[in-house]
Amino acid sequence: VKTGIEVVVVLVGVLLGGTFGWATIAYALGVGPVVQATVR
């Protein structure tokens, strides 16, 4: 769920003219697994 939300938000933001870099992609794909691991 977390990763899905972040990916959708990034795509919409880019289509509207927002800027992003590799860290944006890394955050969108990586923060969900970090949260999942921390919950343990």
Full PDB file with SEQRES, HELIX, SHEET, SSBOND, CRYST1, ORIGX, SCALE, CONECT and MASTER records, all heavy atoms in Angstrom:
SEQRES   1 A   40  VAL LYS THR GLY ILE GLU VAL VAL VAL VAL LEU VAL GLY          
SEQRES   2 A   40  VAL LEU LEU GLY GLY THR PHE GLY TRP ALA THR ILE ALA          
SEQRES   3 A   40  TYR ALA LEU GLY VAL GLY PRO VAL VAL GLN ALA THR VAL          
SEQRES   4 A   40  ARG                                                          
HELIX    1 AA1 LYS A    2  LEU A   15  1                                  14    
HELIX    2 AA2 TRP A   22  THR A   38  1                                  17    
CRYST1    1.000    1.000    1.000  90.00  90.00  90.00 P 1           1          
ORIGX1      1.000000  0.000000  0.000000        0.00000                         
ORIGX2      0.000000  1.000000  0.000000        0.00000                         
ORIGX3      0.000000  0.000000  1.000000        0.00000                         
SCALE1      1.000000  0.000000  0.000000        0.00000                         
SCALE2      0.000000  1.000000  0.000000        0.00000                         
SCALE3      0.000000  0.000000  1.000000        0.00000                         
ATOM      1  N   VAL A   1       0.827  -1.207   0.000  1.00  0.00           N  
ATOM      2  CA  VAL A   1       0.000   0.000   0.000  1.00  0.00           C  
ATOM      3  C   VAL A   1       0.862   1.258   0.000  1.00  0.00           C  
ATOM      4  O   VAL A   1       0.635   2.189  -0.787  1.00  0.00           O  
ATOM      5  CB  VAL A   1      -0.947   0.007   1.220  1.00  0.00           C  
ATOM      6  CG1 VAL A   1      -1.676   1.347   1.329  1.00  0.00           C  
ATOM      7  CG2 VAL A   1      -1.960  -1.128   1.106  1.00  0.00           C  
ATOM      8  N   LYS A   2       1.858   1.292   0.869  1.00  0.00           N  
ATOM      9  CA  LYS A   2       2.727   2.469   0.965  1.00  0.00           C  
ATOM     10  C   LYS A   2       3.442   2.720  -0.358  1.00  0.00           C  
ATOM     11  O   LYS A   2       3.456   3.850  -0.857  1.00  0.00           O  
ATOM     12  CB  LYS A   2       3.745   2.254   2.082  1.00  0.00           C  
ATOM     13  CG  LYS A   2       4.753   3.397   2.264  1.00  0.00           C  
ATOM     14  CD  LYS A   2       4.138   4.608   2.899  1.00  0.00           C  
ATOM     15  CE  LYS A   2       5.181   5.651   3.265  1.00  0.00           C  
ATOM     16  NZ  LYS A   2       4.589   6.885   3.799  1.00  0.00           N  
ATOM     17  N   THR A   3       4.035   1.681  -0.925  1.00  0.00           N  
ATOM     18  CA  THR A   3       4.754   1.835  -2.181  1.00  0.00           C  
ATOM     19  C   THR A   3       3.806   2.253  -3.303  1.00  0.00           C  
ATOM     20  O   THR A   3       4.129   3.124  -4.120  1.00  0.00           O  
ATOM     21  CB  THR A   3       5.465   0.527  -2.566  1.00  0.00           C  
ATOM     22  OG1 THR A   3       6.373   0.164  -1.516  1.00  0.00           O  
ATOM     23  CG2 THR A   3       6.245   0.688  -3.855  1.00  0.00           C  
ATOM     24  N   GLY A   4       2.618   1.661  -3.345  1.00  0.00           N  
ATOM     25  CA  GLY A   4       1.649   2.010  -4.373  1.00  0.00           C  
ATOM     26  C   GLY A   4       1.247   3.471  -4.318  1.00  0.00           C  
ATOM     27  O   GLY A   4       1.163   4.154  -5.353  1.00  0.00           O  
ATOM     28  N   ILE A   5       0.980   3.978  -3.112  1.00  0.00           N  
ATOM     29  CA  ILE A   5       0.608   5.388  -2.960  1.00  0.00           C  
ATOM     30  C   ILE A   5       1.728   6.298  -3.452  1.00  0.00           C  
ATOM     31  O   ILE A   5       1.496   7.254  -4.194  1.00  0.00           O  
ATOM     32  CB  ILE A   5       0.274   5.704  -1.491  1.00  0.00           C  
ATOM     33  CG1 ILE A   5      -1.034   5.019  -1.081  1.00  0.00           C  
ATOM     34  CG2 ILE A   5       0.155   7.219  -1.274  1.00  0.00           C  
ATOM     35  CD1 ILE A   5      -1.363   5.158   0.390  1.00  0.00           C  
ATOM     36  N   GLU A   6       2.963   5.990  -3.024  1.00  0.00           N  
ATOM     37  CA  GLU A   6       4.086   6.848  -3.386  1.00  0.00           C  
ATOM     38  C   GLU A   6       4.306   6.872  -4.895  1.00  0.00           C  
ATOM     39  O   GLU A   6       4.597   7.916  -5.482  1.00  0.00           O  
ATOM     40  CB  GLU A   6       5.365   6.377  -2.683  1.00  0.00           C  
ATOM     41  CG  GLU A   6       5.275   6.286  -1.161  1.00  0.00           C  
ATOM     42  CD  GLU A   6       5.089   7.629  -0.485  1.00  0.00           C  
ATOM     43  OE1 GLU A   6       5.070   8.662  -1.188  1.00  0.00           O  
ATOM     44  OE2 GLU A   6       4.965   7.662   0.740  1.00  0.00           O  
ATOM     45  N   VAL A   7       4.177   5.726  -5.551  1.00  0.00           N  
ATOM     46  CA  VAL A   7       4.378   5.663  -6.998  1.00  0.00           C  
ATOM     47  C   VAL A   7       3.314   6.488  -7.725  1.00  0.00           C  
ATOM     48  O   VAL A   7       3.616   7.257  -8.653  1.00  0.00           O  
ATOM     49  CB  VAL A   7       4.357   4.201  -7.483  1.00  0.00           C  
ATOM     50  CG1 VAL A   7       4.315   4.138  -9.009  1.00  0.00           C  
ATOM     51  CG2 VAL A   7       5.589   3.460  -6.973  1.00  0.00           C  
ATOM     52  N   VAL A   8       2.051   6.351  -7.306  1.00  0.00           N  
ATOM     53  CA  VAL A   8       0.963   7.099  -7.945  1.00  0.00           C  
ATOM     54  C   VAL A   8       1.166   8.601  -7.759  1.00  0.00           C  
ATOM     55  O   VAL A   8       1.002   9.393  -8.708  1.00  0.00           O  
ATOM     56  CB  VAL A   8      -0.399   6.667  -7.367  1.00  0.00           C  
ATOM     57  CG1 VAL A   8      -1.503   7.614  -7.842  1.00  0.00           C  
ATOM     58  CG2 VAL A   8      -0.723   5.243  -7.785  1.00  0.00           C  
ATOM     59  N   VAL A   9       1.532   9.020  -6.551  1.00  0.00           N  
ATOM     60  CA  VAL A   9       1.735  10.438  -6.263  1.00  0.00           C  
ATOM     61  C   VAL A   9       2.847  11.012  -7.138  1.00  0.00           C  
ATOM     62  O   VAL A   9       2.738  12.121  -7.673  1.00  0.00           O  
ATOM     63  CB  VAL A   9       2.054  10.640  -4.762  1.00  0.00           C  
ATOM     64  CG1 VAL A   9       2.587  12.047  -4.507  1.00  0.00           C  
ATOM     65  CG2 VAL A   9       0.801  10.399  -3.924  1.00  0.00           C  
ATOM     66  N   VAL A  10       3.935  10.260  -7.278  1.00  0.00           N  
ATOM     67  CA  VAL A  10       5.053  10.722  -8.111  1.00  0.00           C  
ATOM     68  C   VAL A  10       4.612  10.884  -9.564  1.00  0.00           C  
ATOM     69  O   VAL A  10       4.914  11.900 -10.212  1.00  0.00           O  
ATOM     70  CB  VAL A  10       6.242   9.752  -8.020  1.00  0.00           C  
ATOM     71  CG1 VAL A  10       7.273  10.072  -9.095  1.00  0.00           C  
ATOM     72  CG2 VAL A  10       6.906   9.841  -6.661  1.00  0.00           C  
ATOM     73  N   LEU A  11       3.908   9.894 -10.090  1.00  0.00           N  
ATOM     74  CA  LEU A  11       3.476   9.959 -11.483  1.00  0.00           C  
ATOM     75  C   LEU A  11       2.574  11.162 -11.738  1.00  0.00           C  
ATOM     76  O   LEU A  11       2.738  11.882 -12.728  1.00  0.00           O  
ATOM     77  CB  LEU A  11       2.757   8.662 -11.865  1.00  0.00           C  
ATOM     78  CG  LEU A  11       3.628   7.409 -11.955  1.00  0.00           C  
ATOM     79  CD1 LEU A  11       2.765   6.186 -12.245  1.00  0.00           C  
ATOM     80  CD2 LEU A  11       4.705   7.566 -13.025  1.00  0.00           C  
ATOM     81  N   VAL A  12       1.633  11.404 -10.843  1.00  0.00           N  
ATOM     82  CA  VAL A  12       0.740  12.559 -11.000  1.00  0.00           C  
ATOM     83  C   VAL A  12       1.532  13.852 -10.894  1.00  0.00           C  
ATOM     84  O   VAL A  12       1.327  14.793 -11.674  1.00  0.00           O  
ATOM     85  CB  VAL A  12      -0.382  12.522  -9.936  1.00  0.00           C  
ATOM     86  CG1 VAL A  12      -1.226  13.796 -10.011  1.00  0.00           C  
ATOM     87  CG2 VAL A  12      -1.271  11.299 -10.140  1.00  0.00           C  
ATOM     88  N   GLY A  13       2.454  13.912  -9.934  1.00  0.00           N  
ATOM     89  CA  GLY A  13       3.258  15.109  -9.763  1.00  0.00           C  
ATOM     90  C   GLY A  13       4.096  15.423 -10.988  1.00  0.00           C  
ATOM     91  O   GLY A  13       4.193  16.571 -11.420  1.00  0.00           O  
ATOM     92  N   VAL A  14       4.699  14.400 -11.578  1.00  0.00           N  
ATOM     93  CA  VAL A  14       5.524  14.588 -12.778  1.00  0.00           C  
ATOM     94  C   VAL A  14       4.662  15.065 -13.943  1.00  0.00           C  
ATOM     95  O   VAL A  14       5.049  15.964 -14.695  1.00  0.00           O  
ATOM     96  CB  VAL A  14       6.256  13.283 -13.141  1.00  0.00           C  
ATOM     97  CG1 VAL A  14       6.916  13.404 -14.508  1.00  0.00           C  
ATOM     98  CG2 VAL A  14       7.300  12.959 -12.084  1.00  0.00           C  
ATOM     99  N   LEU A  15       3.476  14.487 -14.102  1.00  0.00           N  
ATOM    100  CA  LEU A  15       2.583  14.902 -15.180  1.00  0.00           C  
ATOM    101  C   LEU A  15       2.152  16.358 -15.031  1.00  0.00           C  
ATOM    102  O   LEU A  15       1.893  17.046 -16.026  1.00  0.00           O  
ATOM    103  CB  LEU A  15       1.345  13.997 -15.207  1.00  0.00           C  
ATOM    104  CG  LEU A  15       1.582  12.554 -15.660  1.00  0.00           C  
ATOM    105  CD1 LEU A  15       0.302  11.730 -15.513  1.00  0.00           C  
ATOM    106  CD2 LEU A  15       2.081  12.513 -17.110  1.00  0.00           C  
ATOM    107  N   LEU A  16       2.109  16.852 -13.802  1.00  0.00           N  
ATOM    108  CA  LEU A  16       1.728  18.239 -13.540  1.00  0.00           C  
ATOM    109  C   LEU A  16       2.921  19.191 -13.605  1.00  0.00           C  
ATOM    110  O   LEU A  16       2.751  20.401 -13.451  1.00  0.00           O  
ATOM    111  CB  LEU A  16       1.057  18.350 -12.168  1.00  0.00           C  
ATOM    112  CG  LEU A  16      -0.310  17.673 -12.021  1.00  0.00           C  
ATOM    113  CD1 LEU A  16      -0.805  17.770 -10.588  1.00  0.00           C  
ATOM    114  CD2 LEU A  16      -1.326  18.313 -12.978  1.00  0.00           C  
ATOM    115  N   GLY A  17       4.116  18.637 -13.804  1.00  0.00           N  
ATOM    116  CA  GLY A  17       5.290  19.491 -13.923  1.00  0.00           C  
ATOM    117  C   GLY A  17       6.201  19.496 -12.723  1.00  0.00           C  
ATOM    118  O   GLY A  17       7.139  20.300 -12.667  1.00  0.00           O  
ATOM    119  N   GLY A  18       5.960  18.614 -11.767  1.00  0.00           N  
ATOM    120  CA  GLY A  18       6.845  18.528 -10.610  1.00  0.00           C  
ATOM    121  C   GLY A  18       8.184  17.930 -10.987  1.00  0.00           C  
ATOM    122  O   GLY A  18       8.304  17.221 -11.987  1.00  0.00           O  
ATOM    123  N   THR A  19       9.191  18.227 -10.198  1.00  0.00           N  
ATOM    124  CA  THR A  19      10.539  17.721 -10.478  1.00  0.00           C  
ATOM    125  C   THR A  19      10.882  16.589  -9.514  1.00  0.00           C  
ATOM    126  O   THR A  19      10.440  16.572  -8.365  1.00  0.00           O  
ATOM    127  CB  THR A  19      11.583  18.839 -10.330  1.00  0.00           C  
ATOM    128  OG1 THR A  19      11.520  19.398  -9.011  1.00  0.00           O  
ATOM    129  CG2 THR A  19      11.334  19.939 -11.338  1.00  0.00           C  
ATOM    130  N   PHE A  20      11.693  15.675 -10.024  1.00  0.00           N  
ATOM    131  CA  PHE A  20      12.125  14.575  -9.168  1.00  0.00           C  
ATOM    132  C   PHE A  20      13.474  14.071  -9.661  1.00  0.00           C  
ATOM    133  O   PHE A  20      13.918  14.377 -10.772  1.00  0.00           O  
ATOM    134  CB  PHE A  20      11.097  13.443  -9.169  1.00  0.00           C  
ATOM    135  CG  PHE A  20      11.118  12.595 -10.411  1.00  0.00           C  
ATOM    136  CD1 PHE A  20      11.686  11.323 -10.395  1.00  0.00           C  
ATOM    137  CD2 PHE A  20      10.582  13.070 -11.593  1.00  0.00           C  
ATOM    138  CE1 PHE A  20      11.711  10.547 -11.559  1.00  0.00           C  
ATOM    139  CE2 PHE A  20      10.599  12.299 -12.755  1.00  0.00           C  
ATOM    140  CZ  PHE A  20      11.163  11.035 -12.732  1.00  0.00           C  
ATOM    141  N   GLY A  21      14.137  13.282  -8.791  1.00  0.00           N  
ATOM    142  CA  GLY A  21      15.419  12.692  -9.133  1.00  0.00           C  
ATOM    143  C   GLY A  21      15.444  11.243  -8.695  1.00  0.00           C  
ATOM    144  O   GLY A  21      14.422  10.674  -8.306  1.00  0.00           O  
ATOM    145  N   TRP A  22      16.631  10.653  -8.720  1.00  0.00           N  
ATOM    146  CA  TRP A  22      16.727   9.234  -8.365  1.00  0.00           C  
ATOM    147  C   TRP A  22      16.299   8.996  -6.925  1.00  0.00           C  
ATOM    148  O   TRP A  22      15.757   7.930  -6.606  1.00  0.00           O  
ATOM    149  CB  TRP A  22      18.156   8.728  -8.574  1.00  0.00           C  
ATOM    150  CG  TRP A  22      19.162   9.236  -7.567  1.00  0.00           C  
ATOM    151  CD1 TRP A  22      19.998  10.294  -7.720  1.00  0.00           C  
ATOM    152  CD2 TRP A  22      19.435   8.692  -6.275  1.00  0.00           C  
ATOM    153  NE1 TRP A  22      20.777  10.468  -6.594  1.00  0.00           N  
ATOM    154  CE2 TRP A  22      20.448   9.491  -5.693  1.00  0.00           C  
ATOM    155  CE3 TRP A  22      18.915   7.622  -5.546  1.00  0.00           C  
ATOM    156  CZ2 TRP A  22      20.954   9.250  -4.412  1.00  0.00           C  
ATOM    157  CZ3 TRP A  22      19.420   7.384  -4.269  1.00  0.00           C  
ATOM    158  CH2 TRP A  22      20.420   8.188  -3.719  1.00  0.00           C  
ATOM    159  N   ALA A  23      16.526   9.991  -6.039  1.00  0.00           N  
ATOM    160  CA  ALA A  23      16.137   9.818  -4.638  1.00  0.00           C  
ATOM    161  C   ALA A  23      14.620   9.743  -4.482  1.00  0.00           C  
ATOM    162  O   ALA A  23      14.111   9.077  -3.576  1.00  0.00           O  
ATOM    163  CB  ALA A  23      16.701  10.954  -3.785  1.00  0.00           C  
ATOM    164  N   THR A  24      13.892  10.426  -5.356  1.00  0.00           N  
ATOM    165  CA  THR A  24      12.425  10.342  -5.333  1.00  0.00           C  
ATOM    166  C   THR A  24      11.972   8.926  -5.647  1.00  0.00           C  
ATOM    167  O   THR A  24      11.102   8.364  -4.975  1.00  0.00           O  
ATOM    168  CB  THR A  24      11.816  11.311  -6.358  1.00  0.00           C  
ATOM    169  OG1 THR A  24      12.339  12.624  -6.140  1.00  0.00           O  
ATOM    170  CG2 THR A  24      10.304  11.349  -6.231  1.00  0.00           C  
ATOM    171  N   ILE A  25      12.579   8.348  -6.676  1.00  0.00           N  
ATOM    172  CA  ILE A  25      12.234   6.978  -7.054  1.00  0.00           C  
ATOM    173  C   ILE A  25      12.639   6.003  -5.955  1.00  0.00           C  
ATOM    174  O   ILE A  25      11.889   5.082  -5.602  1.00  0.00           O  
ATOM    175  CB  ILE A  25      12.926   6.605  -8.379  1.00  0.00           C  
ATOM    176  CG1 ILE A  25      12.466   7.547  -9.491  1.00  0.00           C  
ATOM    177  CG2 ILE A  25      12.631   5.151  -8.748  1.00  0.00           C  
ATOM    178  CD1 ILE A  25      13.201   7.354 -10.795  1.00  0.00           C  
ATOM    179  N   ALA A  26      13.840   6.216  -5.392  1.00  0.00           N  
ATOM    180  CA  ALA A  26      14.312   5.343  -4.318  1.00  0.00           C  
ATOM    181  C   ALA A  26      13.396   5.436  -3.107  1.00  0.00           C  
ATOM    182  O   ALA A  26      13.102   4.424  -2.453  1.00  0.00           O  
ATOM    183  CB  ALA A  26      15.740   5.720  -3.928  1.00  0.00           C  
ATOM    184  N   TYR A  27      12.917   6.635  -2.813  1.00  0.00           N  
ATOM    185  CA  TYR A  27      11.991   6.802  -1.687  1.00  0.00           C  
ATOM    186  C   TYR A  27      10.677   6.074  -1.964  1.00  0.00           C  
ATOM    187  O   TYR A  27      10.165   5.335  -1.115  1.00  0.00           O  
ATOM    188  CB  TYR A  27      11.719   8.279  -1.445  1.00  0.00           C  
ATOM    189  CG  TYR A  27      10.780   8.546  -0.287  1.00  0.00           C  
ATOM    190  CD1 TYR A  27      11.270   8.774   0.996  1.00  0.00           C  
ATOM    191  CD2 TYR A  27       9.402   8.547  -0.467  1.00  0.00           C  
ATOM    192  CE1 TYR A  27      10.400   8.997   2.064  1.00  0.00           C  
ATOM    193  CE2 TYR A  27       8.535   8.772   0.576  1.00  0.00           C  
ATOM    194  CZ  TYR A  27       9.043   8.997   1.844  1.00  0.00           C  
ATOM    195  OH  TYR A  27       8.175   9.201   2.895  1.00  0.00           O  
ATOM    196  N   ALA A  28      10.120   6.292  -3.168  1.00  0.00           N  
ATOM    197  CA  ALA A  28       8.833   5.682  -3.497  1.00  0.00           C  
ATOM    198  C   ALA A  28       8.883   4.165  -3.424  1.00  0.00           C  
ATOM    199  O   ALA A  28       7.932   3.512  -2.974  1.00  0.00           O  
ATOM    200  CB  ALA A  28       8.393   6.126  -4.895  1.00  0.00           C  
ATOM    201  N   LEU A  29       9.994   3.582  -3.839  1.00  0.00           N  
ATOM    202  CA  LEU A  29      10.120   2.128  -3.853  1.00  0.00           C  
ATOM    203  C   LEU A  29      10.680   1.557  -2.555  1.00  0.00           C  
ATOM    204  O   LEU A  29      10.447   0.399  -2.238  1.00  0.00           O  
ATOM    205  CB  LEU A  29      11.017   1.692  -5.019  1.00  0.00           C  
ATOM    206  CG  LEU A  29      10.518   2.041  -6.423  1.00  0.00           C  
ATOM    207  CD1 LEU A  29      11.544   1.614  -7.471  1.00  0.00           C  
ATOM    208  CD2 LEU A  29       9.164   1.398  -6.695  1.00  0.00           C  
ATOM    209  N   GLY A  30      11.423   2.373  -1.814  1.00  0.00           N  
ATOM    210  CA  GLY A  30      12.130   1.854  -0.642  1.00  0.00           C  
ATOM    211  C   GLY A  30      11.510   2.111   0.703  1.00  0.00           C  
ATOM    212  O   GLY A  30      11.709   1.337   1.642  1.00  0.00           O  
ATOM    213  N   VAL A  31      10.720   3.185   0.847  1.00  0.00           N  
ATOM    214  CA  VAL A  31      10.225   3.523   2.182  1.00  0.00           C  
ATOM    215  C   VAL A  31       9.199   2.512   2.679  1.00  0.00           C  
ATOM    216  O   VAL A  31       9.126   2.218   3.882  1.00  0.00           O  
ATOM    217  CB  VAL A  31       9.642   4.950   2.201  1.00  0.00           C  
ATOM    218  CG1 VAL A  31       8.300   5.020   1.500  1.00  0.00           C  
ATOM    219  CG2 VAL A  31       9.535   5.475   3.633  1.00  0.00           C  
ATOM    220  N   GLY A  32       8.405   1.939   1.776  1.00  0.00           N  
ATOM    221  CA  GLY A  32       7.422   0.928   2.185  1.00  0.00           C  
ATOM    222  C   GLY A  32       8.064  -0.275   2.846  1.00  0.00           C  
ATOM    223  O   GLY A  32       7.674  -0.674   3.944  1.00  0.00           O  
ATOM    224  N   PRO A  33       9.064  -0.895   2.209  1.00  0.00           N  
ATOM    225  CA  PRO A  33       9.761  -2.012   2.849  1.00  0.00           C  
ATOM    226  C   PRO A  33      10.416  -1.633   4.180  1.00  0.00           C  
ATOM    227  O   PRO A  33      10.462  -2.458   5.089  1.00  0.00           O  
ATOM    228  CB  PRO A  33      10.815  -2.403   1.807  1.00  0.00           C  
ATOM    229  CG  PRO A  33      10.193  -2.034   0.499  1.00  0.00           C  
ATOM    230  CD  PRO A  33       9.446  -0.766   0.776  1.00  0.00           C  
ATOM    231  N   VAL A  34      10.917  -0.393   4.300  1.00  0.00           N  
ATOM    232  CA  VAL A  34      11.519   0.033   5.573  1.00  0.00           C  
ATOM    233  C   VAL A  34      10.457   0.071   6.663  1.00  0.00           C  
ATOM    234  O   VAL A  34      10.668  -0.402   7.786  1.00  0.00           O  
ATOM    235  CB  VAL A  34      12.202   1.404   5.433  1.00  0.00           C  
ATOM    236  CG1 VAL A  34      12.672   1.905   6.802  1.00  0.00           C  
ATOM    237  CG2 VAL A  34      13.393   1.331   4.492  1.00  0.00           C  
ATOM    238  N   VAL A  35       9.295   0.657   6.347  1.00  0.00           N  
ATOM    239  CA  VAL A  35       8.199   0.693   7.321  1.00  0.00           C  
ATOM    240  C   VAL A  35       7.784  -0.725   7.684  1.00  0.00           C  
ATOM    241  O   VAL A  35       7.593  -1.054   8.864  1.00  0.00           O  
ATOM    242  CB  VAL A  35       6.992   1.471   6.756  1.00  0.00           C  
ATOM    243  CG1 VAL A  35       5.796   1.372   7.702  1.00  0.00           C  
ATOM    244  CG2 VAL A  35       7.352   2.934   6.529  1.00  0.00           C  
ATOM    245  N   GLN A  36       7.641  -1.592   6.695  1.00  0.00           N  
ATOM    246  CA  GLN A  36       7.232  -2.980   6.923  1.00  0.00           C  
ATOM    247  C   GLN A  36       8.208  -3.689   7.851  1.00  0.00           C  
ATOM    248  O   GLN A  36       7.809  -4.411   8.764  1.00  0.00           O  
ATOM    249  CB  GLN A  36       7.153  -3.717   5.589  1.00  0.00           C  
ATOM    250  CG  GLN A  36       6.681  -5.158   5.683  1.00  0.00           C  
ATOM    251  CD  GLN A  36       5.167  -5.270   5.726  1.00  0.00           C  
ATOM    252  OE1 GLN A  36       4.474  -4.270   5.574  1.00  0.00           O  
ATOM    253  NE2 GLN A  36       4.666  -6.462   5.924  1.00  0.00           N  
ATOM    254  N   ALA A  37       9.511  -3.478   7.639  1.00  0.00           N  
ATOM    255  CA  ALA A  37      10.519  -4.121   8.476  1.00  0.00           C  
ATOM    256  C   ALA A  37      10.493  -3.563   9.894  1.00  0.00           C  
ATOM    257  O   ALA A  37      10.640  -4.307  10.870  1.00  0.00           O  
ATOM    258  CB  ALA A  37      11.904  -3.937   7.861  1.00  0.00           C  
ATOM    259  N   THR A  38      10.290  -2.258  10.021  1.00  0.00           N  
ATOM    260  CA  THR A  38      10.288  -1.627  11.335  1.00  0.00           C  
ATOM    261  C   THR A  38       9.111  -2.087  12.181  1.00  0.00           C  
ATOM    262  O   THR A  38       9.208  -2.192  13.405  1.00  0.00           O  
ATOM    263  CB  THR A  38      10.252  -0.098  11.188  1.00  0.00           C  
ATOM    264  OG1 THR A  38      11.352   0.322  10.372  1.00  0.00           O  
ATOM    265  CG2 THR A  38      10.359   0.589  12.548  1.00  0.00           C  
ATOM    266  N   VAL A  39       7.977  -2.369  11.532  1.00  0.00           N  
ATOM    267  CA  VAL A  39       6.789  -2.814  12.260  1.00  0.00           C  
ATOM    268  C   VAL A  39       7.056  -4.122  13.010  1.00  0.00           C  
ATOM    269  O   VAL A  39       6.390  -4.435  13.994  1.00  0.00           O  
ATOM    270  CB  VAL A  39       5.605  -2.957  11.286  1.00  0.00           C  
ATOM    271  CG1 VAL A  39       4.426  -3.670  11.935  1.00  0.00           C  
ATOM    272  CG2 VAL A  39       5.166  -1.591  10.806  1.00  0.00           C  
ATOM    273  N   ARG A  40       8.045  -4.875  12.586  1.00  0.00           N  
ATOM    274  CA  ARG A  40       8.372  -6.132  13.265  1.00  0.00           C  
ATOM    275  C   ARG A  40       9.050  -5.889  14.619  1.00  0.00           C  
ATOM    276  O   ARG A  40       9.174  -6.822  15.411  1.00  0.00           O  
ATOM    277  CB  ARG A  40       9.293  -6.979  12.380  1.00  0.00           C  
ATOM    278  CG  ARG A  40       8.662  -7.399  11.060  1.00  0.00           C  
ATOM    279  CD  ARG A  40       9.645  -8.172  10.194  1.00  0.00           C  
ATOM    280  NE  ARG A  40       9.100  -8.492   8.880  1.00  0.00           N  
ATOM    281  CZ  ARG A  40       8.351  -9.548   8.617  1.00  0.00           C  
ATOM    282  NH1 ARG A  40       8.062 -10.402   9.580  1.00  0.00           N  
ATOM    283  NH2 ARG A  40       7.894  -9.762   7.398  1.00  0.00           N  
TER     284      ARG A  40                                                      
MASTER        0    0    0    2    0    0    0    6  283    1    0    4          
END                                                                             
